Amino acid sequence: MPSYKLTYFNFTGRAEPIRILLHYGGIPFEDVRVEKADWPAVKPSTPFGQVPVLEVDGKKYTQGTPLARYVANVVGLVGKSNEENLEIEIAINIVSDILKAAYESHFDPDEEKKKQHLKTLHELLAKYFPVLDEAAKKNGGHLGTNKLNWGDIYFVTAYEDIRNILGNKDIVENYSGLQNLKKNVISEKNIKEYIQNRPKIPIFVYDLRSEL
């Protein structure tokens, strides 16, 4: 088996789907969590000056979604056909757009722009969550296939971050399909064990472990 080393900040963000996928597959890896003060020293050693970085037998790769896709293939959490994979990736792209608006609403230094990003976030949630909810209902609490896949994990990690950005607002409370999806992910044995034991994020007002 290859050796794996994952480098990211001491945060969930773009690395959390990768961490969960590796734990799901029972794959040992070095989980390097960079503190903000140490980032300037670490940055020059990363591809394109960014994280997450996944090292596979010492070779470094970056970009969060491709890395998650790669690990999903390794651990068998992809679709059984090109069409299923297409459905999963469409859902992931939608969630990624929503997550981007959430991060911008939180991290943009311009207060007026932050307000616009927050407006966009709420518009995207209203537009796409009913669609994702129907897809989850159709597939027994999953996105794109009728079994656990990397799209489900991507959704749940994004959900946790967005809920924190919105001050602990439960954005799936009115969507039974997405509630079922969340339960399907966090009740899986290896994923549950990881969430229970992962480092706590001090700034979080909501943590998935509270629902285990």
N, C-alpha and C. Protein backbone atom coordinates (compact mmCIF):
# COMPACT_ATOMS: atom_id res chain seq x y z
N MET A 1 0.84 -1.20 0.00
CA MET A 1 0.00 0.00 0.00
C MET A 1 0.88 1.25 0.00
N PRO A 2 0.52 2.27 -0.79
CA PRO A 2 1.30 3.52 -0.77
C PRO A 2 1.25 4.17 0.61
N SER A 3 2.22 5.02 0.88
CA SER A 3 2.18 5.82 2.10
C SER A 3 1.52 7.16 1.77
N TYR A 4 0.72 7.67 2.71
CA TYR A 4 -0.03 8.90 2.49
C TYR A 4 0.27 9.92 3.58
N LYS A 5 0.39 11.17 3.17
CA LYS A 5 0.57 12.28 4.09
C LYS A 5 -0.31 13.42 3.61
N LEU A 6 -1.21 13.89 4.47
CA LEU A 6 -2.15 14.96 4.12
C LEU A 6 -1.81 16.20 4.93
N THR A 7 -1.60 17.32 4.24
CA THR A 7 -1.26 18.57 4.90
C THR A 7 -2.35 19.60 4.65
N TYR A 8 -2.81 20.20 5.73
CA TYR A 8 -3.83 21.25 5.66
C TYR A 8 -3.77 22.03 6.96
N PHE A 9 -4.57 23.07 7.05
CA PHE A 9 -4.66 23.82 8.29
C PHE A 9 -5.37 23.01 9.37
N ASN A 10 -5.27 23.45 10.60
CA ASN A 10 -5.98 22.81 11.70
C ASN A 10 -7.44 23.24 11.66
N PHE A 11 -8.12 22.74 10.63
CA PHE A 11 -9.47 23.15 10.31
C PHE A 11 -10.10 22.03 9.50
N THR A 12 -11.41 22.09 9.30
CA THR A 12 -12.09 21.09 8.46
C THR A 12 -11.89 21.46 6.99
N GLY A 13 -12.71 22.36 6.46
CA GLY A 13 -12.50 22.92 5.13
C GLY A 13 -12.31 21.91 4.02
N ARG A 14 -11.39 22.23 3.12
CA ARG A 14 -11.22 21.43 1.90
C ARG A 14 -10.57 20.08 2.15
N ALA A 15 -9.97 19.90 3.33
CA ALA A 15 -9.29 18.62 3.61
C ALA A 15 -10.19 17.60 4.29
N GLU A 16 -11.28 18.05 4.90
CA GLU A 16 -12.06 17.13 5.72
C GLU A 16 -12.68 15.98 4.93
N PRO A 17 -13.18 16.21 3.69
CA PRO A 17 -13.65 15.04 2.93
C PRO A 17 -12.55 14.02 2.70
N ILE A 18 -11.32 14.50 2.48
CA ILE A 18 -10.20 13.59 2.23
C ILE A 18 -9.87 12.80 3.49
N ARG A 19 -9.83 13.50 4.63
CA ARG A 19 -9.57 12.82 5.90
C ARG A 19 -10.61 11.73 6.16
N ILE A 20 -11.88 12.08 5.96
CA ILE A 20 -12.95 11.12 6.24
C ILE A 20 -12.87 9.93 5.28
N LEU A 21 -12.59 10.18 4.02
CA LEU A 21 -12.47 9.08 3.06
C LEU A 21 -11.34 8.14 3.42
N LEU A 22 -10.21 8.68 3.84
CA LEU A 22 -9.09 7.84 4.24
C LEU A 22 -9.44 7.01 5.47
N HIS A 23 -10.10 7.64 6.44
CA HIS A 23 -10.51 6.90 7.63
C HIS A 23 -11.56 5.84 7.28
N TYR A 24 -12.48 6.18 6.41
CA TYR A 24 -13.48 5.20 5.97
C TYR A 24 -12.79 3.95 5.42
N GLY A 25 -11.78 4.15 4.61
CA GLY A 25 -11.07 3.04 3.99
C GLY A 25 -10.07 2.35 4.90
N GLY A 26 -9.93 2.85 6.13
CA GLY A 26 -8.96 2.24 7.05
C GLY A 26 -7.53 2.41 6.58
N ILE A 27 -7.28 3.51 5.86
CA ILE A 27 -5.95 3.74 5.29
C ILE A 27 -5.12 4.61 6.24
N PRO A 28 -4.01 4.12 6.72
CA PRO A 28 -3.16 4.94 7.59
C PRO A 28 -2.60 6.13 6.81
N PHE A 29 -2.55 7.28 7.45
CA PHE A 29 -1.95 8.45 6.82
C PHE A 29 -1.48 9.42 7.88
N GLU A 30 -0.51 10.25 7.53
CA GLU A 30 -0.02 11.28 8.43
C GLU A 30 -0.89 12.52 8.24
N ASP A 31 -1.57 12.92 9.29
CA ASP A 31 -2.50 14.05 9.25
C ASP A 31 -1.78 15.29 9.79
N VAL A 32 -1.17 16.05 8.89
CA VAL A 32 -0.40 17.23 9.28
C VAL A 32 -1.33 18.44 9.31
N ARG A 33 -1.42 19.09 10.46
CA ARG A 33 -2.30 20.24 10.62
C ARG A 33 -1.45 21.47 10.91
N VAL A 34 -1.40 22.36 9.95
CA VAL A 34 -0.52 23.52 10.00
C VAL A 34 -1.20 24.66 10.75
N GLU A 35 -0.52 25.22 11.73
CA GLU A 35 -1.03 26.40 12.42
C GLU A 35 -0.82 27.63 11.55
N LYS A 36 -1.69 28.61 11.70
CA LYS A 36 -1.64 29.81 10.87
C LYS A 36 -0.27 30.48 10.92
N ALA A 37 0.33 30.53 12.11
CA ALA A 37 1.63 31.19 12.26
C ALA A 37 2.73 30.47 11.51
N ASP A 38 2.55 29.17 11.25
CA ASP A 38 3.59 28.38 10.57
C ASP A 38 3.41 28.34 9.06
N TRP A 39 2.27 28.84 8.57
CA TRP A 39 1.97 28.73 7.15
C TRP A 39 3.01 29.40 6.24
N PRO A 40 3.52 30.60 6.54
CA PRO A 40 4.51 31.21 5.65
C PRO A 40 5.75 30.33 5.43
N ALA A 41 6.14 29.57 6.44
CA ALA A 41 7.29 28.68 6.30
C ALA A 41 6.95 27.43 5.50
N VAL A 42 5.70 26.98 5.58
CA VAL A 42 5.28 25.75 4.90
C VAL A 42 4.92 26.03 3.44
N LYS A 43 4.35 27.19 3.16
CA LYS A 43 3.80 27.51 1.84
C LYS A 43 4.76 27.26 0.68
N PRO A 44 6.03 27.66 0.75
CA PRO A 44 6.92 27.44 -0.41
C PRO A 44 7.14 25.98 -0.77
N SER A 45 6.87 25.08 0.16
CA SER A 45 7.09 23.66 -0.11
C SER A 45 5.89 22.98 -0.72
N THR A 46 4.79 23.73 -0.94
CA THR A 46 3.56 23.14 -1.47
C THR A 46 3.40 23.43 -2.96
N PRO A 47 2.76 22.53 -3.71
CA PRO A 47 2.48 22.82 -5.11
C PRO A 47 1.55 24.02 -5.23
N PHE A 48 1.93 25.00 -6.04
CA PHE A 48 1.12 26.20 -6.27
C PHE A 48 0.94 27.06 -5.01
N GLY A 49 1.68 26.76 -3.95
CA GLY A 49 1.57 27.54 -2.72
C GLY A 49 0.23 27.42 -2.05
N GLN A 50 -0.36 26.22 -2.07
CA GLN A 50 -1.69 26.05 -1.50
C GLN A 50 -1.85 24.66 -0.89
N VAL A 51 -2.84 24.56 -0.03
CA VAL A 51 -3.23 23.29 0.56
C VAL A 51 -4.73 23.08 0.33
N PRO A 52 -5.24 21.87 0.44
CA PRO A 52 -4.58 20.67 0.95
C PRO A 52 -3.56 20.09 -0.03
N VAL A 53 -2.59 19.39 0.56
CA VAL A 53 -1.60 18.65 -0.21
C VAL A 53 -1.63 17.20 0.24
N LEU A 54 -1.78 16.30 -0.71
CA LEU A 54 -1.71 14.87 -0.42
C LEU A 54 -0.44 14.33 -1.03
N GLU A 55 0.41 13.76 -0.19
CA GLU A 55 1.62 13.10 -0.67
C GLU A 55 1.36 11.61 -0.77
N VAL A 56 1.63 11.06 -1.94
CA VAL A 56 1.47 9.63 -2.19
C VAL A 56 2.86 9.09 -2.51
N ASP A 57 3.39 8.31 -1.57
CA ASP A 57 4.77 7.83 -1.67
C ASP A 57 5.74 8.98 -1.93
N GLY A 58 5.50 10.10 -1.27
CA GLY A 58 6.41 11.24 -1.34
C GLY A 58 6.12 12.23 -2.45
N LYS A 59 5.27 11.88 -3.42
CA LYS A 59 4.93 12.79 -4.50
C LYS A 59 3.74 13.65 -4.07
N LYS A 60 3.84 14.97 -4.26
CA LYS A 60 2.84 15.90 -3.76
C LYS A 60 1.80 16.26 -4.82
N TYR A 61 0.54 16.24 -4.38
CA TYR A 61 -0.58 16.63 -5.24
C TYR A 61 -1.46 17.62 -4.46
N THR A 62 -2.14 18.50 -5.20
CA THR A 62 -3.01 19.47 -4.53
C THR A 62 -4.33 19.61 -5.28
N GLN A 63 -5.21 20.48 -4.76
CA GLN A 63 -6.59 20.74 -5.20
C GLN A 63 -7.54 19.76 -4.52
N GLY A 64 -8.39 20.31 -3.64
CA GLY A 64 -9.20 19.50 -2.75
C GLY A 64 -10.13 18.51 -3.42
N THR A 65 -10.90 18.95 -4.42
CA THR A 65 -11.88 18.04 -5.02
C THR A 65 -11.22 16.90 -5.79
N PRO A 66 -10.20 17.15 -6.63
CA PRO A 66 -9.52 16.02 -7.28
C PRO A 66 -8.89 15.05 -6.28
N LEU A 67 -8.36 15.58 -5.19
CA LEU A 67 -7.78 14.70 -4.17
C LEU A 67 -8.86 13.82 -3.54
N ALA A 68 -10.02 14.41 -3.24
CA ALA A 68 -11.13 13.62 -2.68
C ALA A 68 -11.59 12.57 -3.69
N ARG A 69 -11.66 12.94 -4.95
CA ARG A 69 -12.06 11.98 -5.99
C ARG A 69 -11.07 10.82 -6.07
N TYR A 70 -9.79 11.15 -6.01
CA TYR A 70 -8.74 10.12 -6.05
C TYR A 70 -8.90 9.13 -4.90
N VAL A 71 -9.05 9.67 -3.68
CA VAL A 71 -9.17 8.79 -2.52
C VAL A 71 -10.49 8.00 -2.58
N ALA A 72 -11.55 8.62 -3.08
CA ALA A 72 -12.82 7.91 -3.23
C ALA A 72 -12.67 6.70 -4.15
N ASN A 73 -11.88 6.85 -5.20
CA ASN A 73 -11.60 5.71 -6.08
C ASN A 73 -10.80 4.64 -5.36
N VAL A 74 -9.85 5.05 -4.54
CA VAL A 74 -9.02 4.10 -3.80
C VAL A 74 -9.87 3.28 -2.84
N VAL A 75 -10.82 3.94 -2.15
CA VAL A 75 -11.61 3.25 -1.11
C VAL A 75 -12.96 2.73 -1.62
N GLY A 76 -13.24 2.91 -2.90
CA GLY A 76 -14.45 2.34 -3.49
C GLY A 76 -15.73 3.10 -3.21
N LEU A 77 -15.64 4.42 -3.05
CA LEU A 77 -16.85 5.21 -2.81
C LEU A 77 -17.21 6.06 -4.03
N VAL A 78 -17.10 5.46 -5.20
CA VAL A 78 -17.52 6.10 -6.44
C VAL A 78 -18.70 5.31 -7.02
N GLY A 79 -19.26 5.80 -8.11
CA GLY A 79 -20.39 5.14 -8.72
C GLY A 79 -20.02 3.88 -9.47
N LYS A 80 -21.04 3.12 -9.85
CA LYS A 80 -20.82 1.88 -10.60
C LYS A 80 -20.78 2.11 -12.10
N SER A 81 -21.08 3.32 -12.54
CA SER A 81 -21.11 3.62 -13.97
C SER A 81 -20.72 5.06 -14.19
N ASN A 82 -20.45 5.40 -15.45
CA ASN A 82 -20.14 6.80 -15.78
C ASN A 82 -21.30 7.72 -15.44
N GLU A 83 -22.51 7.21 -15.63
CA GLU A 83 -23.69 8.03 -15.35
C GLU A 83 -23.84 8.29 -13.85
N GLU A 84 -23.59 7.27 -13.02
CA GLU A 84 -23.64 7.48 -11.57
C GLU A 84 -22.57 8.47 -11.13
N ASN A 85 -21.38 8.32 -11.70
CA ASN A 85 -20.31 9.26 -11.35
C ASN A 85 -20.65 10.68 -11.78
N LEU A 86 -21.32 10.81 -12.90
CA LEU A 86 -21.75 12.13 -13.36
C LEU A 86 -22.74 12.74 -12.37
N GLU A 87 -23.71 11.94 -11.91
CA GLU A 87 -24.68 12.43 -10.93
C GLU A 87 -23.98 12.87 -9.64
N ILE A 88 -23.03 12.10 -9.17
CA ILE A 88 -22.30 12.44 -7.95
C ILE A 88 -21.55 13.76 -8.14
N GLU A 89 -20.87 13.90 -9.26
CA GLU A 89 -20.06 15.09 -9.48
C GLU A 89 -20.90 16.35 -9.69
N ILE A 90 -22.06 16.20 -10.29
CA ILE A 90 -22.98 17.35 -10.41
C ILE A 90 -23.36 17.83 -9.02
N ALA A 91 -23.72 16.90 -8.14
CA ALA A 91 -24.08 17.27 -6.77
C ALA A 91 -22.91 17.93 -6.06
N ILE A 92 -21.72 17.41 -6.24
CA ILE A 92 -20.53 17.97 -5.59
C ILE A 92 -20.26 19.38 -6.10
N ASN A 93 -20.40 19.61 -7.39
CA ASN A 93 -20.19 20.94 -7.94
C ASN A 93 -21.18 21.95 -7.37
N ILE A 94 -22.44 21.52 -7.22
CA ILE A 94 -23.45 22.39 -6.63
C ILE A 94 -23.06 22.75 -5.19
N VAL A 95 -22.71 21.73 -4.42
CA VAL A 95 -22.32 21.96 -3.02
C VAL A 95 -21.08 22.84 -2.95
N SER A 96 -20.15 22.64 -3.86
CA SER A 96 -18.92 23.45 -3.89
C SER A 96 -19.24 24.92 -4.13
N ASP A 97 -20.18 25.21 -5.02
CA ASP A 97 -20.59 26.60 -5.27
C ASP A 97 -21.20 27.23 -4.02
N ILE A 98 -22.03 26.45 -3.32
CA ILE A 98 -22.65 26.95 -2.09
C ILE A 98 -21.58 27.20 -1.03
N LEU A 99 -20.66 26.26 -0.90
CA LEU A 99 -19.60 26.40 0.10
C LEU A 99 -18.70 27.60 -0.19
N LYS A 100 -18.43 27.85 -1.46
CA LYS A 100 -17.60 29.00 -1.85
C LYS A 100 -18.27 30.30 -1.39
N ALA A 101 -19.57 30.41 -1.62
CA ALA A 101 -20.30 31.61 -1.18
C ALA A 101 -20.26 31.74 0.34
N ALA A 102 -20.34 30.61 1.04
CA ALA A 102 -20.29 30.64 2.50
C ALA A 102 -18.93 31.14 2.99
N TYR A 103 -17.86 30.60 2.42
CA TYR A 103 -16.52 31.03 2.83
C TYR A 103 -16.32 32.52 2.53
N GLU A 104 -16.78 32.95 1.37
CA GLU A 104 -16.62 34.37 1.01
C GLU A 104 -17.42 35.27 1.95
N SER A 105 -18.58 34.81 2.37
CA SER A 105 -19.40 35.61 3.29
C SER A 105 -18.75 35.74 4.65
N HIS A 106 -17.85 34.83 4.94
CA HIS A 106 -17.19 34.83 6.25
C HIS A 106 -15.81 35.48 6.21
N PHE A 107 -15.06 35.22 5.14
CA PHE A 107 -13.65 35.61 5.13
C PHE A 107 -13.34 36.87 4.32
N ASP A 108 -14.25 37.33 3.47
CA ASP A 108 -13.97 38.53 2.68
C ASP A 108 -13.76 39.72 3.63
N PRO A 109 -12.65 40.43 3.49
CA PRO A 109 -12.38 41.55 4.41
C PRO A 109 -13.29 42.77 4.20
N ASP A 110 -13.92 42.84 3.04
CA ASP A 110 -14.80 43.97 2.72
C ASP A 110 -16.20 43.68 3.26
N GLU A 111 -16.68 44.48 4.19
CA GLU A 111 -17.96 44.23 4.84
C GLU A 111 -19.14 44.27 3.87
N GLU A 112 -19.11 45.16 2.90
CA GLU A 112 -20.19 45.24 1.92
C GLU A 112 -20.21 44.00 1.04
N LYS A 113 -19.02 43.55 0.65
CA LYS A 113 -18.95 42.34 -0.16
C LYS A 113 -19.41 41.12 0.64
N LYS A 114 -19.07 41.10 1.92
CA LYS A 114 -19.52 40.00 2.77
C LYS A 114 -21.04 39.90 2.78
N LYS A 115 -21.71 41.04 2.83
CA LYS A 115 -23.18 41.05 2.82
C LYS A 115 -23.72 40.49 1.51
N GLN A 116 -23.07 40.84 0.40
CA GLN A 116 -23.50 40.34 -0.90
C GLN A 116 -23.27 38.83 -1.00
N HIS A 117 -22.12 38.38 -0.50
CA HIS A 117 -21.85 36.94 -0.50
C HIS A 117 -22.87 36.18 0.35
N LEU A 118 -23.25 36.77 1.48
CA LEU A 118 -24.24 36.12 2.35
C LEU A 118 -25.59 36.04 1.65
N LYS A 119 -25.96 37.09 0.92
CA LYS A 119 -27.20 37.07 0.14
C LYS A 119 -27.14 35.98 -0.91
N THR A 120 -25.99 35.88 -1.59
CA THR A 120 -25.81 34.82 -2.59
C THR A 120 -25.92 33.45 -1.97
N LEU A 121 -25.33 33.28 -0.78
CA LEU A 121 -25.39 31.99 -0.08
C LEU A 121 -26.84 31.58 0.17
N HIS A 122 -27.64 32.49 0.69
CA HIS A 122 -29.03 32.15 0.98
C HIS A 122 -29.82 31.86 -0.30
N GLU A 123 -29.50 32.57 -1.37
CA GLU A 123 -30.16 32.31 -2.65
C GLU A 123 -29.81 30.92 -3.18
N LEU A 124 -28.55 30.54 -3.06
CA LEU A 124 -28.12 29.21 -3.52
C LEU A 124 -28.73 28.10 -2.67
N LEU A 125 -28.80 28.31 -1.37
CA LEU A 125 -29.43 27.32 -0.50
C LEU A 125 -30.90 27.13 -0.88
N ALA A 126 -31.60 28.23 -1.14
CA ALA A 126 -33.01 28.15 -1.50
C ALA A 126 -33.21 27.49 -2.87
N LYS A 127 -32.27 27.71 -3.76
CA LYS A 127 -32.39 27.17 -5.12
C LYS A 127 -32.05 25.69 -5.19
N TYR A 128 -30.97 25.29 -4.51
CA TYR A 128 -30.42 23.95 -4.73
C TYR A 128 -30.76 22.92 -3.67
N PHE A 129 -31.01 23.34 -2.43
CA PHE A 129 -31.27 22.33 -1.40
C PHE A 129 -32.54 21.53 -1.68
N PRO A 130 -33.61 22.12 -2.20
CA PRO A 130 -34.76 21.28 -2.56
C PRO A 130 -34.42 20.23 -3.61
N VAL A 131 -33.56 20.58 -4.56
CA VAL A 131 -33.14 19.63 -5.61
C VAL A 131 -32.31 18.51 -5.01
N LEU A 132 -31.34 18.87 -4.17
CA LEU A 132 -30.50 17.87 -3.52
C LEU A 132 -31.33 16.98 -2.59
N ASP A 133 -32.31 17.57 -1.94
CA ASP A 133 -33.17 16.82 -1.03
C ASP A 133 -33.96 15.76 -1.79
N GLU A 134 -34.52 16.13 -2.93
CA GLU A 134 -35.27 15.17 -3.75
C GLU A 134 -34.36 14.05 -4.23
N ALA A 135 -33.13 14.39 -4.62
CA ALA A 135 -32.17 13.37 -5.06
C ALA A 135 -31.86 12.41 -3.92
N ALA A 136 -31.69 12.96 -2.72
CA ALA A 136 -31.39 12.11 -1.56
C ALA A 136 -32.58 11.21 -1.23
N LYS A 137 -33.78 11.73 -1.32
CA LYS A 137 -34.97 10.92 -1.07
C LYS A 137 -35.05 9.77 -2.07
N LYS A 138 -34.78 10.07 -3.32
CA LYS A 138 -34.88 9.07 -4.38
C LYS A 138 -33.88 7.94 -4.18
N ASN A 139 -32.72 8.27 -3.58
CA ASN A 139 -31.64 7.29 -3.45
C ASN A 139 -31.44 6.79 -2.02
N GLY A 140 -32.48 6.91 -1.19
CA GLY A 140 -32.38 6.36 0.15
C GLY A 140 -31.39 7.09 1.05
N GLY A 141 -31.27 8.39 0.84
CA GLY A 141 -30.37 9.19 1.68
C GLY A 141 -28.96 9.27 1.13
N HIS A 142 -28.85 9.28 -0.19
CA HIS A 142 -27.53 9.40 -0.83
C HIS A 142 -27.66 10.30 -2.06
N LEU A 143 -26.53 10.78 -2.55
CA LEU A 143 -26.51 11.64 -3.74
C LEU A 143 -25.88 10.91 -4.91
N GLY A 144 -26.64 10.68 -5.96
CA GLY A 144 -26.08 10.10 -7.18
C GLY A 144 -26.17 8.60 -7.28
N THR A 145 -26.10 7.90 -6.16
CA THR A 145 -26.24 6.44 -6.14
C THR A 145 -27.11 6.08 -4.94
N ASN A 146 -27.45 4.80 -4.83
CA ASN A 146 -28.28 4.37 -3.70
C ASN A 146 -27.44 3.77 -2.57
N LYS A 147 -26.17 4.13 -2.53
CA LYS A 147 -25.29 3.68 -1.45
C LYS A 147 -24.31 4.81 -1.11
N LEU A 148 -23.64 4.66 0.02
CA LEU A 148 -22.69 5.67 0.46
C LEU A 148 -21.66 5.95 -0.62
N ASN A 149 -21.40 7.23 -0.88
CA ASN A 149 -20.40 7.61 -1.87
C ASN A 149 -19.75 8.93 -1.44
N TRP A 150 -18.73 9.33 -2.20
CA TRP A 150 -17.95 10.50 -1.77
C TRP A 150 -18.74 11.80 -1.88
N GLY A 151 -19.80 11.82 -2.68
CA GLY A 151 -20.67 12.99 -2.72
C GLY A 151 -21.39 13.21 -1.40
N ASP A 152 -21.79 12.11 -0.75
CA ASP A 152 -22.45 12.21 0.56
C ASP A 152 -21.49 12.81 1.59
N ILE A 153 -20.27 12.34 1.58
CA ILE A 153 -19.27 12.83 2.53
C ILE A 153 -18.95 14.29 2.26
N TYR A 154 -18.81 14.65 0.99
CA TYR A 154 -18.54 16.04 0.62
C TYR A 154 -19.67 16.94 1.12
N PHE A 155 -20.90 16.48 0.96
CA PHE A 155 -22.04 17.29 1.42
C PHE A 155 -22.00 17.51 2.93
N VAL A 156 -21.77 16.45 3.68
CA VAL A 156 -21.83 16.54 5.14
C VAL A 156 -20.71 17.43 5.69
N THR A 157 -19.53 17.37 5.11
CA THR A 157 -18.44 18.24 5.58
C THR A 157 -18.74 19.70 5.24
N ALA A 158 -19.34 19.94 4.07
CA ALA A 158 -19.74 21.31 3.71
C ALA A 158 -20.84 21.79 4.64
N TYR A 159 -21.79 20.92 4.93
CA TYR A 159 -22.88 21.26 5.84
C TYR A 159 -22.35 21.74 7.19
N GLU A 160 -21.36 21.03 7.72
CA GLU A 160 -20.82 21.42 9.02
C GLU A 160 -20.19 22.81 8.96
N ASP A 161 -19.41 23.09 7.92
CA ASP A 161 -18.78 24.40 7.80
C ASP A 161 -19.82 25.51 7.61
N ILE A 162 -20.80 25.27 6.73
CA ILE A 162 -21.82 26.30 6.47
C ILE A 162 -22.64 26.56 7.73
N ARG A 163 -22.99 25.51 8.45
CA ARG A 163 -23.77 25.69 9.67
C ARG A 163 -23.00 26.54 10.68
N ASN A 164 -21.70 26.36 10.77
CA ASN A 164 -20.90 27.19 11.66
C ASN A 164 -20.83 28.63 11.19
N ILE A 165 -20.67 28.83 9.89
CA ILE A 165 -20.61 30.18 9.34
C ILE A 165 -21.92 30.93 9.59
N LEU A 166 -23.03 30.20 9.58
CA LEU A 166 -24.34 30.80 9.80
C LEU A 166 -24.74 30.80 11.27
N GLY A 167 -23.78 30.61 12.15
CA GLY A 167 -24.06 30.72 13.58
C GLY A 167 -24.90 29.60 14.14
N ASN A 168 -24.67 28.37 13.64
CA ASN A 168 -25.35 27.16 14.11
C ASN A 168 -26.77 27.03 13.58
N LYS A 169 -27.07 27.66 12.47
CA LYS A 169 -28.38 27.49 11.83
C LYS A 169 -28.41 26.14 11.12
N ASP A 170 -29.38 25.29 11.47
CA ASP A 170 -29.47 23.96 10.87
C ASP A 170 -30.10 24.08 9.49
N ILE A 171 -29.29 24.06 8.46
CA ILE A 171 -29.77 24.30 7.10
C ILE A 171 -30.45 23.09 6.47
N VAL A 172 -30.50 21.94 7.16
CA VAL A 172 -31.22 20.79 6.61
C VAL A 172 -32.48 20.46 7.42
N GLU A 173 -32.86 21.32 8.37
CA GLU A 173 -33.97 21.00 9.26
C GLU A 173 -35.28 20.78 8.51
N ASN A 174 -35.42 21.39 7.34
CA ASN A 174 -36.66 21.24 6.56
C ASN A 174 -36.52 20.26 5.40
N TYR A 175 -35.43 19.50 5.39
CA TYR A 175 -35.15 18.60 4.27
C TYR A 175 -34.88 17.19 4.80
N SER A 176 -35.91 16.36 4.79
CA SER A 176 -35.80 15.03 5.38
C SER A 176 -34.80 14.14 4.63
N GLY A 177 -34.71 14.31 3.31
CA GLY A 177 -33.76 13.51 2.54
C GLY A 177 -32.32 13.82 2.92
N LEU A 178 -32.03 15.11 3.11
CA LEU A 178 -30.67 15.51 3.48
C LEU A 178 -30.38 15.18 4.94
N GLN A 179 -31.39 15.19 5.79
CA GLN A 179 -31.20 14.74 7.17
C GLN A 179 -30.82 13.25 7.19
N ASN A 180 -31.49 12.47 6.36
CA ASN A 180 -31.20 11.04 6.27
C ASN A 180 -29.79 10.82 5.72
N LEU A 181 -29.40 11.64 4.74
CA LEU A 181 -28.05 11.56 4.18
C LEU A 181 -27.02 11.77 5.28
N LYS A 182 -27.21 12.81 6.07
CA LYS A 182 -26.27 13.11 7.16
C LYS A 182 -26.15 11.92 8.11
N LYS A 183 -27.28 11.34 8.47
CA LYS A 183 -27.27 10.19 9.38
C LYS A 183 -26.52 9.01 8.75
N ASN A 184 -26.74 8.79 7.46
CA ASN A 184 -26.07 7.68 6.78
C ASN A 184 -24.55 7.83 6.83
N VAL A 185 -24.08 9.07 6.70
CA VAL A 185 -22.63 9.30 6.70
C VAL A 185 -22.05 9.14 8.10
N ILE A 186 -22.60 9.87 9.07
CA ILE A 186 -21.95 9.90 10.38
C ILE A 186 -22.19 8.64 11.21
N SER A 187 -23.10 7.77 10.77
CA SER A 187 -23.32 6.51 11.49
C SER A 187 -22.43 5.38 10.98
N GLU A 188 -21.75 5.60 9.85
CA GLU A 188 -20.84 4.57 9.34
C GLU A 188 -19.71 4.38 10.36
N LYS A 189 -19.36 3.14 10.66
CA LYS A 189 -18.49 2.82 11.79
C LYS A 189 -17.18 3.60 11.79
N ASN A 190 -16.41 3.53 10.72
CA ASN A 190 -15.11 4.19 10.69
C ASN A 190 -15.23 5.71 10.70
N ILE A 191 -16.24 6.22 10.03
CA ILE A 191 -16.45 7.67 10.00
C ILE A 191 -16.86 8.16 11.39
N LYS A 192 -17.75 7.44 12.02
CA LYS A 192 -18.19 7.80 13.37
C LYS A 192 -17.00 7.83 14.33
N GLU A 193 -16.16 6.83 14.25
CA GLU A 193 -14.99 6.76 15.13
C GLU A 193 -14.06 7.94 14.90
N TYR A 194 -13.86 8.30 13.62
CA TYR A 194 -13.00 9.45 13.32
C TYR A 194 -13.58 10.74 13.90
N ILE A 195 -14.87 10.98 13.66
CA ILE A 195 -15.49 12.22 14.13
C ILE A 195 -15.41 12.31 15.66
N GLN A 196 -15.61 11.19 16.33
CA GLN A 196 -15.55 11.18 17.79
C GLN A 196 -14.16 11.57 18.31
N ASN A 197 -13.13 11.21 17.56
CA ASN A 197 -11.76 11.36 18.06
C ASN A 197 -10.94 12.45 17.37
N ARG A 198 -11.49 13.13 16.39
CA ARG A 198 -10.72 14.14 15.68
C ARG A 198 -10.49 15.36 16.58
N PRO A 199 -9.47 16.16 16.27
CA PRO A 199 -9.24 17.37 17.06
C PRO A 199 -10.44 18.31 16.98
N LYS A 200 -10.76 18.92 18.10
CA LYS A 200 -11.85 19.88 18.12
C LYS A 200 -11.38 21.20 17.52
N ILE A 201 -12.28 21.88 16.82
CA ILE A 201 -11.99 23.20 16.25
C ILE A 201 -12.55 24.24 17.22
N PRO A 202 -11.70 25.00 17.88
CA PRO A 202 -12.16 25.89 18.96
C PRO A 202 -13.23 26.90 18.53
N ILE A 203 -13.17 27.36 17.28
CA ILE A 203 -14.11 28.40 16.85
C ILE A 203 -15.48 27.84 16.48
N PHE A 204 -15.62 26.50 16.41
CA PHE A 204 -16.89 25.91 15.99
C PHE A 204 -17.94 26.01 17.10
N VAL A 205 -19.14 26.45 16.72
CA VAL A 205 -20.28 26.42 17.63
C VAL A 205 -21.08 25.14 17.41
N TYR A 206 -20.86 24.48 16.27
CA TYR A 206 -21.52 23.23 15.94
C TYR A 206 -20.47 22.21 15.52
N ASP A 207 -20.59 21.02 16.05
CA ASP A 207 -19.64 19.94 15.74
C ASP A 207 -20.47 18.69 15.43
N LEU A 208 -20.15 17.99 14.37
CA LEU A 208 -20.88 16.77 14.00
C LEU A 208 -20.92 15.75 15.13
N ARG A 209 -19.89 15.77 15.99
CA ARG A 209 -19.86 14.75 17.06
C ARG A 209 -21.04 14.92 18.02
N SER A 210 -21.65 16.10 18.03
CA SER A 210 -22.80 16.31 18.92
C SER A 210 -24.00 15.49 18.50
N GLU A 211 -23.97 14.92 17.29
CA GLU A 211 -25.11 14.13 16.80
C GLU A 211 -24.83 12.64 16.78
N LEU A 212 -23.67 12.24 17.29
CA LEU A 212 -23.33 10.82 17.27
C LEU A 212 -23.99 10.08 18.43
